C-alpha atoms as a PDB file:
ATOM      1  CA  MET A   1       1.939  45.376   2.695  1.00  0.00           C
ATOM      2  CA  GLU A   2       5.456  46.699   2.922  1.00  0.00           C
ATOM      3  CA  ALA A   3       8.337  44.553   2.667  1.00  0.00           C
ATOM      4  CA  GLY A   4       9.179  45.169   6.401  1.00  0.00           C
ATOM      5  CA  MET A   5       6.012  43.854   7.686  1.00  0.00           C
ATOM      6  CA  THR A   6       6.653  40.215   6.121  1.00  0.00           C
ATOM      7  CA  GLY A   7       8.233  37.504   8.050  1.00  0.00           C
ATOM      8  CA  ARG A   8      10.309  36.218   4.949  1.00  0.00           C
ATOM      9  CA  ASP A   9      10.522  38.042   1.457  1.00  0.00           C
ATOM     10  CA  GLY A  10       7.483  37.354  -0.469  1.00  0.00           C
ATOM     11  CA  GLY A  11       6.354  34.318   1.427  1.00  0.00           C
ATOM     12  CA  ALA A  12       5.498  30.907   0.177  1.00  0.00           C
ATOM     13  CA  ASP A  13       3.779  30.647  -3.172  1.00  0.00           C
ATOM     14  CA  ILE A  14       0.493  29.533  -2.058  1.00  0.00           C
ATOM     15  CA  GLY A  15      -3.125  30.461  -3.145  1.00  0.00           C
ATOM     16  CA  PRO A  16      -6.537  29.113  -3.034  1.00  0.00           C
ATOM     17  CA  ILE A  17      -6.773  25.162  -3.766  1.00  0.00           C
ATOM     18  CA  GLY A  18     -10.287  24.765  -5.426  1.00  0.00           C
ATOM     19  CA  ASN A  19     -13.504  25.536  -3.554  1.00  0.00           C
ATOM     20  CA  SER A  20     -11.946  25.640   0.160  1.00  0.00           C
ATOM     21  CA  PRO A  21     -13.743  26.781   3.237  1.00  0.00           C
ATOM     22  CA  VAL A  22     -13.423  30.363   4.612  1.00  0.00           C
ATOM     23  CA  VAL A  23     -11.597  30.593   8.103  1.00  0.00           C
ATOM     24  CA  ILE A  24     -13.542  33.111  10.074  1.00  0.00           C
ATOM     25  CA  LEU A  25     -11.823  34.175  13.260  1.00  0.00           C
ATOM     26  CA  VAL A  26     -14.398  36.367  15.407  1.00  0.00           C
ATOM     27  CA  ARG A  27     -12.796  38.959  17.415  1.00  0.00           C
ATOM     28  CA  PRO A  28      -9.600  37.641  17.688  1.00  0.00           C
ATOM     29  CA  GLN A  29      -7.103  39.427  20.273  1.00  0.00           C
ATOM     30  CA  MET A  30      -3.529  39.009  19.284  1.00  0.00           C
ATOM     31  CA  ALA A  31      -1.680  39.462  16.079  1.00  0.00           C
ATOM     32  CA  GLU A  32       0.545  36.540  16.829  1.00  0.00           C
ATOM     33  CA  ASN A  33      -2.464  34.023  16.911  1.00  0.00           C
ATOM     34  CA  ILE A  34      -3.587  35.543  13.526  1.00  0.00           C
ATOM     35  CA  GLY A  35      -0.263  34.882  11.765  1.00  0.00           C
ATOM     36  CA  THR A  36       0.235  31.258  13.480  1.00  0.00           C
ATOM     37  CA  THR A  37      -3.552  30.588  12.288  1.00  0.00           C
ATOM     38  CA  ALA A  38      -2.416  31.527   8.667  1.00  0.00           C
ATOM     39  CA  ARG A  39       0.641  29.049   8.966  1.00  0.00           C
ATOM     40  CA  ALA A  40      -1.887  26.457  10.150  1.00  0.00           C
ATOM     41  CA  MET A  41      -4.443  27.250   7.258  1.00  0.00           C
ATOM     42  CA  ALA A  42      -1.421  26.839   4.587  1.00  0.00           C
ATOM     43  CA  ASN A  43      -0.518  23.397   5.922  1.00  0.00           C
ATOM     44  CA  GLY A  44      -3.912  22.369   5.187  1.00  0.00           C
ATOM     45  CA  GLY A  45      -4.732  23.749   1.955  1.00  0.00           C
ATOM     46  CA  LEU A  46      -7.019  26.543   3.224  1.00  0.00           C
ATOM     47  CA  PHE A  47      -6.593  30.269   2.016  1.00  0.00           C
ATOM     48  CA  HIS A  48      -9.464  32.383   2.706  1.00  0.00           C
ATOM     49  CA  MET A  49      -9.210  34.173   5.966  1.00  0.00           C
ATOM     50  CA  ARG A  50     -12.183  36.548   7.387  1.00  0.00           C
ATOM     51  CA  LEU A  51     -11.509  38.885  10.585  1.00  0.00           C
ATOM     52  CA  VAL A  52     -14.517  40.141  12.380  1.00  0.00           C
ATOM     53  CA  ALA A  53     -13.617  43.215  14.696  1.00  0.00           C
ATOM     54  CA  PRO A  54     -10.010  42.277  15.245  1.00  0.00           C
ATOM     55  CA  ARG A  55      -9.167  43.975  18.672  1.00  0.00           C
ATOM     56  CA  ASP A  56      -6.106  45.529  17.461  1.00  0.00           C
ATOM     57  CA  GLY A  57      -7.330  46.556  14.054  1.00  0.00           C
ATOM     58  CA  TRP A  58      -5.946  45.249  10.664  1.00  0.00           C
ATOM     59  CA  PRO A  59      -3.068  44.894   8.987  1.00  0.00           C
ATOM     60  CA  LEU A  60      -0.556  43.935  12.242  1.00  0.00           C
ATOM     61  CA  GLU A  61       3.152  43.693  11.694  1.00  0.00           C
ATOM     62  CA  ARG A  62       3.421  40.887  14.328  1.00  0.00           C
ATOM     63  CA  ALA A  63       1.171  38.658  12.548  1.00  0.00           C
ATOM     64  CA  TRP A  64       3.353  38.288   9.463  1.00  0.00           C
ATOM     65  CA  ARG A  65       6.174  37.714  11.897  1.00  0.00           C
ATOM     66  CA  SER A  66       4.510  34.692  13.049  1.00  0.00           C
ATOM     67  CA  ALA A  67       3.104  33.323  10.017  1.00  0.00           C
ATOM     68  CA  SER A  68       6.421  31.627   8.770  1.00  0.00           C
ATOM     69  CA  GLY A  69       5.779  32.572   5.219  1.00  0.00           C
ATOM     70  CA  ALA A  70       2.039  32.208   4.857  1.00  0.00           C
ATOM     71  CA  ASP A  71       2.085  35.771   4.092  1.00  0.00           C
ATOM     72  CA  ARG A  72      -0.493  35.607   0.865  1.00  0.00           C
ATOM     73  CA  ILE A  73      -3.098  34.172   3.452  1.00  0.00           C
ATOM     74  CA  LEU A  74      -2.637  37.514   5.471  1.00  0.00           C
ATOM     75  CA  GLU A  75      -2.433  39.832   2.445  1.00  0.00           C
ATOM     76  CA  SER A  76      -5.743  38.401   1.140  1.00  0.00           C
ATOM     77  CA  ALA A  77      -7.383  38.527   4.651  1.00  0.00           C
ATOM     78  CA  GLN A  78     -10.529  40.506   4.633  1.00  0.00           C
ATOM     79  CA  VAL A  79     -11.941  42.474   7.682  1.00  0.00           C
ATOM     80  CA  PHE A  80     -15.575  42.634   8.760  1.00  0.00           C
ATOM     81  CA  ASP A  81     -17.437  44.614  11.431  1.00  0.00           C
ATOM     82  CA  THR A  82     -19.722  41.910  12.515  1.00  0.00           C
ATOM     83  CA  VAL A  83     -20.468  38.084  12.362  1.00  0.00           C
ATOM     84  CA  ASP A  84     -23.350  38.563   9.787  1.00  0.00           C
ATOM     85  CA  ASP A  85     -21.126  40.699   7.244  1.00  0.00           C
ATOM     86  CA  ALA A  86     -18.545  37.871   7.330  1.00  0.00           C
ATOM     87  CA  VAL A  87     -21.208  35.024   6.516  1.00  0.00           C
ATOM     88  CA  ALA A  88     -23.733  36.983   4.483  1.00  0.00           C
ATOM     89  CA  ASP A  89     -22.397  35.148   1.063  1.00  0.00           C
ATOM     90  CA  LEU A  90     -21.772  31.793   2.387  1.00  0.00           C
ATOM     91  CA  HIS A  91     -24.220  29.112   2.352  1.00  0.00           C
ATOM     92  CA  HIS A  92     -23.325  27.163   5.293  1.00  0.00           C
ATOM     93  CA  VAL A  93     -21.268  28.071   8.261  1.00  0.00           C
ATOM     94  CA  PHE A  94     -19.734  25.721  11.142  1.00  0.00           C
ATOM     95  CA  ALA A  95     -18.456  27.123  14.151  1.00  0.00           C
ATOM     96  CA  THR A  96     -16.125  25.212  16.550  1.00  0.00           C
ATOM     97  CA  CYS A  97     -17.349  25.312  20.336  1.00  0.00           C
ATOM     98  CA  PRO A  98     -15.661  23.532  23.294  1.00  0.00           C
ATOM     99  CA  ARG A  99     -18.750  23.594  25.312  1.00  0.00           C
ATOM    100  CA  PRO A 100     -22.273  24.304  23.715  1.00  0.00           C
ATOM    101  CA  ARG A 101     -24.037  26.334  25.926  1.00  0.00           C
ATOM    102  CA  HIS A 102     -28.008  25.922  25.833  1.00  0.00           C
ATOM    103  CA  ILE A 103     -28.148  25.383  22.032  1.00  0.00           C
ATOM    104  CA  VAL A 104     -30.302  23.001  19.953  1.00  0.00           C
ATOM    105  CA  LYS A 105     -28.022  22.222  16.817  1.00  0.00           C
ATOM    106  CA  PRO A 106     -26.049  19.343  15.230  1.00  0.00           C
ATOM    107  CA  VAL A 107     -22.805  18.595  17.098  1.00  0.00           C
ATOM    108  CA  LEU A 108     -19.884  17.062  14.673  1.00  0.00           C
ATOM    109  CA  THR A 109     -16.415  15.883  15.262  1.00  0.00           C
ATOM    110  CA  ALA A 110     -13.774  17.551  13.455  1.00  0.00           C
ATOM    111  CA  ARG A 111     -13.706  14.600  10.952  1.00  0.00           C
ATOM    112  CA  GLY A 112     -17.547  14.522  10.538  1.00  0.00           C
ATOM    113  CA  GLY A 113     -17.400  18.238   9.974  1.00  0.00           C
ATOM    114  CA  ALA A 114     -14.514  17.900   7.366  1.00  0.00           C
ATOM    115  CA  ALA A 115     -16.567  15.282   5.503  1.00  0.00           C
ATOM    116  CA  GLU A 116     -19.755  17.350   5.478  1.00  0.00           C
ATOM    117  CA  LEU A 117     -17.804  20.447   4.317  1.00  0.00           C
ATOM    118  CA  ARG A 118     -16.062  18.351   1.439  1.00  0.00           C
ATOM    119  CA  GLU A 119     -19.500  17.174   0.186  1.00  0.00           C
ATOM    120  CA  MET A 120     -20.897  20.731   0.347  1.00  0.00           C
ATOM    121  CA  THR A 121     -17.957  22.369  -1.377  1.00  0.00           C
ATOM    122  CA  ASP A 122     -17.955  19.566  -3.942  1.00  0.00           C
ATOM    123  CA  ARG A 123     -21.461  20.684  -4.996  1.00  0.00           C
ATOM    124  CA  GLY A 124     -20.221  24.375  -5.526  1.00  0.00           C
ATOM    125  CA  LEU A 125     -21.296  25.691  -2.316  1.00  0.00           C
ATOM    126  CA  LYS A 126     -19.425  28.365  -0.206  1.00  0.00           C
ATOM    127  CA  VAL A 127     -18.777  27.328   3.322  1.00  0.00           C
ATOM    128  CA  GLY A 128     -17.132  28.899   6.533  1.00  0.00           C
ATOM    129  CA  LEU A 129     -15.629  27.725   9.542  1.00  0.00           C
ATOM    130  CA  MET A 130     -16.118  30.188  12.287  1.00  0.00           C
ATOM    131  CA  PHE A 131     -13.742  30.041  15.339  1.00  0.00           C
ATOM    132  CA  GLY A 132     -14.213  32.444  18.371  1.00  0.00           C
ATOM    133  CA  PRO A 133     -11.839  34.756  20.545  1.00  0.00           C
ATOM    134  CA  GLU A 134      -8.886  33.323  22.083  1.00  0.00           C
ATOM    135  CA  ARG A 135      -9.901  33.865  25.645  1.00  0.00           C
ATOM    136  CA  ALA A 136     -13.991  32.938  25.933  1.00  0.00           C
ATOM    137  CA  GLY A 137     -14.496  31.460  22.712  1.00  0.00           C
ATOM    138  CA  LEU A 138     -17.752  32.239  20.483  1.00  0.00           C
ATOM    139  CA  ASP A 139     -20.846  33.512  22.378  1.00  0.00           C
ATOM    140  CA  ASN A 140     -24.366  32.290  21.969  1.00  0.00           C
ATOM    141  CA  GLU A 141     -25.056  35.046  19.362  1.00  0.00           C
ATOM    142  CA  ASP A 142     -22.282  33.994  17.283  1.00  0.00           C
ATOM    143  CA  MET A 143     -23.201  30.369  17.381  1.00  0.00           C
ATOM    144  CA  ALA A 144     -26.762  31.004  16.404  1.00  0.00           C
ATOM    145  CA  ARG A 145     -25.421  32.023  12.795  1.00  0.00           C
ATOM    146  CA  ALA A 146     -23.965  28.543  12.495  1.00  0.00           C
ATOM    147  CA  ASP A 147     -25.646  25.394  10.810  1.00  0.00           C
ATOM    148  CA  ALA A 148     -23.856  23.456  13.146  1.00  0.00           C
ATOM    149  CA  LEU A 149     -21.257  23.072  15.785  1.00  0.00           C
ATOM    150  CA  ILE A 150     -17.901  21.093  15.843  1.00  0.00           C
ATOM    151  CA  ARG A 151     -16.404  20.009  18.957  1.00  0.00           C
ATOM    152  CA  TYR A 152     -13.268  18.089  19.151  1.00  0.00           C
ATOM    153  CA  PRO A 153     -13.160  14.727  21.089  1.00  0.00           C
ATOM    154  CA  LEU A 154     -10.111  15.477  23.054  1.00  0.00           C
ATOM    155  CA  ASN A 155      -8.993  14.457  26.538  1.00  0.00           C
ATOM    156  CA  PRO A 156     -12.112  15.483  28.713  1.00  0.00           C
ATOM    157  CA  ALA A 157      -9.685  16.268  31.674  1.00  0.00           C
ATOM    158  CA  PHE A 158      -7.897  18.472  29.462  1.00  0.00           C
ATOM    159  CA  MET A 159      -9.239  20.414  26.552  1.00  0.00           C
ATOM    160  CA  SER A 160      -7.261  23.487  25.927  1.00  0.00           C
ATOM    161  CA  LEU A 161      -6.089  24.724  22.652  1.00  0.00           C
ATOM    162  CA  ASN A 162      -5.122  28.011  21.316  1.00  0.00           C
ATOM    163  CA  LEU A 163      -6.207  29.357  18.315  1.00  0.00           C
ATOM    164  CA  ALA A 164      -3.747  28.160  15.546  1.00  0.00           C
ATOM    165  CA  GLN A 165      -4.166  24.730  17.077  1.00  0.00           C
ATOM    166  CA  ALA A 166      -7.755  24.936  16.951  1.00  0.00           C
ATOM    167  CA  VAL A 167      -7.561  25.599  13.086  1.00  0.00           C
ATOM    168  CA  MET A 168      -4.772  23.228  12.477  1.00  0.00           C
ATOM    169  CA  ILE A 169      -7.068  20.232  13.560  1.00  0.00           C
ATOM    170  CA  MET A 170      -9.965  21.325  11.030  1.00  0.00           C
ATOM    171  CA  ALA A 171      -7.299  21.972   8.543  1.00  0.00           C
ATOM    172  CA  TYR A 172      -5.768  18.503   8.857  1.00  0.00           C
ATOM    173  CA  GLU A 173      -9.232  17.015   8.839  1.00  0.00           C
ATOM    174  CA  TRP A 174     -10.053  19.025   5.396  1.00  0.00           C
ATOM    175  CA  TRP A 175      -7.070  17.976   3.725  1.00  0.00           C
ATOM    176  CA  MET A 176      -7.213  14.581   5.005  1.00  0.00           C
ATOM    177  CA  ALA A 177     -10.830  13.908   3.587  1.00  0.00           C
ATOM    178  CA  LYS A 178      -9.612  13.530   0.140  1.00  0.00           C
ATOM    179  CA  ASP A 179      -6.073  12.758   0.621  1.00  0.00           C
ATOM    180  CA  ASP A 180      -5.112   9.366  -0.937  1.00  0.00           C
ATOM    181  CA  THR A 181      -1.771   8.822   0.757  1.00  0.00           C
ATOM    182  CA  PRO A 182      -1.303   5.272   1.955  1.00  0.00           C
ATOM    183  CA  PRO A 183      -1.486   4.879   5.709  1.00  0.00           C
ATOM    184  CA  ARG A 184       1.672   3.090   5.640  1.00  0.00           C
ATOM    185  CA  THR A 185       4.893   2.874   3.098  1.00  0.00           C
ATOM    186  CA  LEU A 186       8.244   1.496   3.339  1.00  0.00           C
ATOM    187  CA  MET A 187      10.773   3.935   1.978  1.00  0.00           C
ATOM    188  CA  THR A 188      13.284   2.185   0.097  1.00  0.00           C
ATOM    189  CA  ASN A 189      15.111   5.355  -1.184  1.00  0.00           C
ATOM    190  CA  GLU A 190      17.564   4.250  -4.144  1.00  0.00           C
ATOM    191  CA  THR A 191      16.703   0.739  -3.898  1.00  0.00           C
ATOM    192  CA  HIS A 192      13.390  -1.507  -4.128  1.00  0.00           C
ATOM    193  CA  VAL A 193      11.609  -4.298  -2.229  1.00  0.00           C
ATOM    194  CA  ALA A 194      13.437  -7.426  -3.578  1.00  0.00           C
ATOM    195  CA  THR A 195      11.301  -9.753  -5.968  1.00  0.00           C
ATOM    196  CA  ARG A 196      10.913 -13.247  -5.694  1.00  0.00           C
ATOM    197  CA  GLY A 197      13.554 -14.085  -7.959  1.00  0.00           C
ATOM    198  CA  GLU A 198      16.258 -11.823  -6.418  1.00  0.00           C
ATOM    199  CA  LEU A 199      15.269 -13.710  -2.741  1.00  0.00           C
ATOM    200  CA  ASP A 200      15.338 -17.366  -4.470  1.00  0.00           C
ATOM    201  CA  ASN A 201      18.686 -16.603  -5.684  1.00  0.00           C
ATOM    202  CA  PHE A 202      19.782 -15.427  -2.215  1.00  0.00           C
ATOM    203  CA  MET A 203      18.227 -18.197  -0.547  1.00  0.00           C
ATOM    204  CA  ARG A 204      20.113 -20.652  -2.995  1.00  0.00           C
ATOM    205  CA  HIS A 205      23.101 -18.946  -1.935  1.00  0.00           C
ATOM    206  CA  LEU A 206      22.630 -19.099   1.648  1.00  0.00           C
ATOM    207  CA  ILE A 207      21.438 -22.759   1.640  1.00  0.00           C
ATOM    208  CA  GLY A 208      24.323 -23.770  -0.585  1.00  0.00           C
ATOM    209  CA  ASP A 209      27.011 -22.342   2.126  1.00  0.00           C
ATOM    210  CA  LEU A 210      24.815 -23.352   5.031  1.00  0.00           C
ATOM    211  CA  ASP A 211      24.837 -27.263   3.282  1.00  0.00           C
ATOM    212  CA  GLU A 212      28.655 -27.023   3.059  1.00  0.00           C
ATOM    213  CA  CYS A 213      29.585 -26.066   6.458  1.00  0.00           C
ATOM    214  CA  GLY A 214      27.029 -28.666   7.672  1.00  0.00           C
ATOM    215  CA  PHE A 215      24.765 -26.309   9.620  1.00  0.00           C
ATOM    216  CA  LEU A 216      21.635 -28.212   7.742  1.00  0.00           C
ATOM    217  CA  ARG A 217      23.372 -31.786   8.239  1.00  0.00           C
ATOM    218  CA  ASN A 218      20.237 -32.981  10.320  1.00  0.00           C
ATOM    219  CA  GLU A 219      18.212 -34.389   7.096  1.00  0.00           C
ATOM    220  CA  GLN A 220      14.923 -34.738   9.469  1.00  0.00           C
ATOM    221  CA  LYS A 221      14.997 -30.924  10.372  1.00  0.00           C
ATOM    222  CA  ARG A 222      16.385 -29.563   7.169  1.00  0.00           C
ATOM    223  CA  ALA A 223      13.424 -28.749   5.509  1.00  0.00           C
ATOM    224  CA  GLY A 224      11.791 -26.817   8.247  1.00  0.00           C
ATOM    225  CA  MET A 225      14.741 -24.857   8.883  1.00  0.00           C
ATOM    226  CA  VAL A 226      15.068 -24.035   5.062  1.00  0.00           C
ATOM    227  CA  ARG A 227      11.300 -23.023   5.487  1.00  0.00           C
ATOM    228  CA  ASN A 228      11.793 -20.795   8.461  1.00  0.00           C
ATOM    229  CA  LEU A 229      14.721 -18.900   6.780  1.00  0.00           C
ATOM    230  CA  ARG A 230      12.495 -18.227   3.863  1.00  0.00           C
ATOM    231  CA  HIS A 231       9.616 -17.090   5.831  1.00  0.00           C
ATOM    232  CA  PHE A 232      11.971 -15.012   7.798  1.00  0.00           C
ATOM    233  CA  PHE A 233      12.810 -13.132   4.775  1.00  0.00           C
ATOM    234  CA  LEU A 234       9.634 -12.706   3.143  1.00  0.00           C
ATOM    235  CA  ARG A 235       8.141 -11.464   6.249  1.00  0.00           C
ATOM    236  CA  GLY A 236      10.070  -8.273   6.548  1.00  0.00           C
ATOM    237  CA  GLU A 237       9.949  -7.076   2.742  1.00  0.00           C
ATOM    238  CA  VAL A 238      13.713  -7.270   2.071  1.00  0.00           C
ATOM    239  CA  THR A 239      15.079  -4.802  -0.302  1.00  0.00           C
ATOM    240  CA  GLU A 240      17.470  -5.342  -2.795  1.00  0.00           C
ATOM    241  CA  GLN A 241      20.075  -3.650  -1.408  1.00  0.00           C
ATOM    242  CA  GLU A 242      19.761  -5.465   1.913  1.00  0.00           C
ATOM    243  CA  LEU A 243      20.181  -8.870   0.021  1.00  0.00           C
ATOM    244  CA  ARG A 244      23.331  -7.673  -1.686  1.00  0.00           C
ATOM    245  CA  THR A 245      24.339  -6.786   1.809  1.00  0.00           C
ATOM    246  CA  LEU A 246      23.455 -10.563   3.099  1.00  0.00           C
ATOM    247  CA  HIS A 247      24.998 -11.922  -0.151  1.00  0.00           C
ATOM    248  CA  GLY A 248      28.326 -10.096   0.966  1.00  0.00           C
ATOM    249  CA  VAL A 249      27.929 -11.503   4.616  1.00  0.00           C
ATOM    250  CA  VAL A 250      27.456 -15.103   3.538  1.00  0.00           C
ATOM    251  CA  THR A 251      30.350 -14.923   1.042  1.00  0.00           C
ATOM    252  CA  GLU A 252      32.883 -13.416   3.855  1.00  0.00           C
ATOM    253  CA  LEU A 253      31.923 -16.104   6.358  1.00  0.00           C
ATOM    254  CA  SER A 254      32.153 -18.723   3.605  1.00  0.00           C
ATOM    255  CA  ARG A 255      35.740 -17.536   2.978  1.00  0.00           C
ATOM    256  CA  GLY A 256      36.641 -17.062   6.531  1.00  0.00           C
ATOM    257  CA  ARG A 257      35.591 -20.709   7.227  1.00  0.00           C
ATOM    258  CA  LYS A 258      37.975 -21.912   4.020  1.00  0.00           C
ATOM    259  CA  ALA A 259      40.538 -19.663   5.267  1.00  0.00           C
ATOM    260  CA  ARG A 260      40.597 -21.403   8.538  1.00  0.00           C
ATOM    261  CA  GLN A 261      40.445 -24.861   7.213  1.00  0.00           C
ATOM    262  CA  ASP A 262      43.551 -24.075   4.825  1.00  0.00           C
ATOM    263  CA  ARG A 263      45.617 -23.106   7.875  1.00  0.00           C
ATOM    264  CA  LYS A 264      45.032 -26.224   9.558  1.00  0.00           C
END
């Protein structure tokens, strides 16, 4: 591919990740959609693209311009005349289908499909994900080549996706099927969540000043008030940096109070 046909010099340093599914675009109509599909694939760790009878031929410069650096996917894309040719070396093929029409086949969600694809690829099988033309989707003859259909459970009042969006959903679910990122983390940057020792040190500082200023003078309520303060700081996973700031706040409040007393 000539340098002038790439969206950025050389594109991103991407390649196949393990035994990943082949993405089969059946009769794609627009080069831009092929390019944005490559971009979506790269985000989910998919690399292998096959084009079946692209309307405007292949390669197409506009595809590279819209791929945002996913050049290597486009450069490695294979072109086939028919769906049968494109799936001939695969063991299993799933087809995305917004509206199954008079076909008796298993229908999976994107998440369910990704889980089954992972199980198959983990056994060394070659699998494919088939997507239809932008305007009408796959026809019955195309879907007859698939083992199962994948249908996204989206808003039934509006289920309109472009080609890259449809591929992105499956790419995301494929990636997440084996991703171990915790569903929730606390970003602490250069600090850390405070230890109990650091928190106890701050509480001694705070309670000492509260005793000195008379805030905790009611002995009957003192234990409950101290307990409430401790619960407040424990509940939020206060960081060491935040505790240092609070130490400074308490110190300055104490200094200000003493300065006012000295002026009297």
